[in-house]
Amino acid sequence: MAARLRITAAFFAFVAAGFWSASAWGELPPIVPYLGYTPTDDPFTLALAYTVRMNRIVAASAGISAAVLAGIADIMIGRRRDPK
């Protein structure tokens, strides 16, 4: 069971790395100055919103990978080594 959790943790780590790379891939378009107003279809605003969405997925994947699955696997291995 612990081995499966570690494999799943590794999978989510790869997913996190992929999404993190996708969020940083390419260049941001130049900022277009407006007089106190930025339209919703501004290229910079759209790129920034896309990056935020990707980083949310990265954070969730990294959290699942490192904190939850790897932590549970370590607890299970620790209990197997030190039975009470």
Protein backbone atom coordinates (compact mmCIF):
# COMPACT_ATOMS: atom_id res chain seq x y z
CA MET A 1 0.00 0.00 0.00
CA ALA A 2 2.82 2.40 0.88
CA ALA A 3 4.49 1.70 -2.47
CA ARG A 4 1.28 2.59 -4.30
CA LEU A 5 1.01 5.83 -2.35
CA ARG A 6 4.60 6.70 -3.24
CA ILE A 7 3.95 5.98 -6.93
CA THR A 8 0.81 8.13 -6.80
CA ALA A 9 2.79 10.87 -5.04
CA ALA A 10 5.39 10.74 -7.79
CA PHE A 11 2.63 10.96 -10.42
CA PHE A 12 1.17 14.08 -8.81
CA ALA A 13 4.65 15.57 -8.53
CA PHE A 14 5.08 15.09 -12.29
CA VAL A 15 1.64 16.63 -12.89
CA ALA A 16 2.61 19.59 -10.74
CA ALA A 17 5.86 20.05 -12.62
CA GLY A 18 4.04 19.87 -15.96
CA PHE A 19 1.43 22.44 -15.03
CA TRP A 20 4.03 24.68 -13.44
CA SER A 21 6.04 24.56 -16.65
CA ALA A 22 2.92 25.25 -18.72
CA SER A 23 2.09 28.28 -16.61
CA ALA A 24 5.55 29.74 -17.14
CA TRP A 25 5.88 28.75 -20.81
CA GLY A 26 6.15 31.58 -23.30
CA GLU A 27 6.30 35.29 -22.74
CA LEU A 28 3.71 37.64 -21.36
CA PRO A 29 2.36 40.20 -23.83
CA PRO A 30 3.30 43.83 -23.24
CA ILE A 31 1.12 45.91 -20.96
CA VAL A 32 -1.10 48.31 -22.88
CA PRO A 33 -1.67 51.51 -20.91
CA TYR A 34 -5.27 52.61 -20.39
CA LEU A 35 -6.61 55.69 -18.69
CA GLY A 36 -7.92 54.18 -15.48
CA TYR A 37 -9.61 51.23 -17.23
CA THR A 38 -8.44 47.83 -18.38
CA PRO A 39 -10.84 45.88 -20.59
CA THR A 40 -11.53 42.24 -19.75
CA ASP A 41 -10.11 41.04 -23.08
CA ASP A 42 -6.72 42.70 -22.50
CA PRO A 43 -3.99 40.16 -23.48
CA PHE A 44 -1.96 40.75 -20.34
CA THR A 45 -4.99 40.30 -18.09
CA LEU A 46 -5.94 37.07 -19.86
CA ALA A 47 -2.38 35.73 -19.59
CA LEU A 48 -2.25 36.59 -15.92
CA ALA A 49 -5.59 34.85 -15.27
CA TYR A 50 -4.33 31.74 -17.11
CA THR A 51 -1.17 31.69 -14.99
CA VAL A 52 -3.20 31.95 -11.81
CA ARG A 53 -5.38 28.99 -12.84
CA MET A 54 -2.33 26.86 -13.66
CA ASN A 55 -0.64 27.74 -10.37
CA ARG A 56 -3.76 26.66 -8.47
CA ILE A 57 -3.54 23.23 -10.09
CA VAL A 58 0.19 23.10 -9.30
CA ALA A 59 -0.42 23.93 -5.67
CA ALA A 60 -3.12 21.28 -5.34
CA SER A 61 -0.99 18.61 -7.04
CA ALA A 62 2.07 19.43 -4.96
CA GLY A 63 0.01 19.41 -1.79
CA ILE A 64 -1.53 16.05 -2.60
CA SER A 65 1.83 14.62 -3.59
CA ALA A 66 4.06 15.83 -0.79
CA ALA A 67 1.85 16.38 2.20
CA VAL A 68 -0.88 13.82 1.89
CA LEU A 69 0.32 10.76 -0.02
CA ALA A 70 4.00 10.77 0.92
CA GLY A 71 3.10 11.58 4.52
CA ILE A 72 0.64 8.69 4.75
CA ALA A 73 3.19 6.34 3.17
CA ASP A 74 5.84 7.38 5.71
CA ILE A 75 3.40 6.88 8.58
CA MET A 76 2.51 3.42 7.28
CA ILE A 77 6.18 2.45 6.93
CA GLY A 78 6.89 3.77 10.43
CA ARG A 79 4.05 1.75 11.95
CA ARG A 80 5.24 -1.40 10.19
CA ARG A 81 8.77 -0.99 11.60
CA ASP A 82 7.67 -0.15 15.15
CA PRO A 83 4.67 -2.33 16.03
CA LYS A 84 3.20 -1.79 19.47
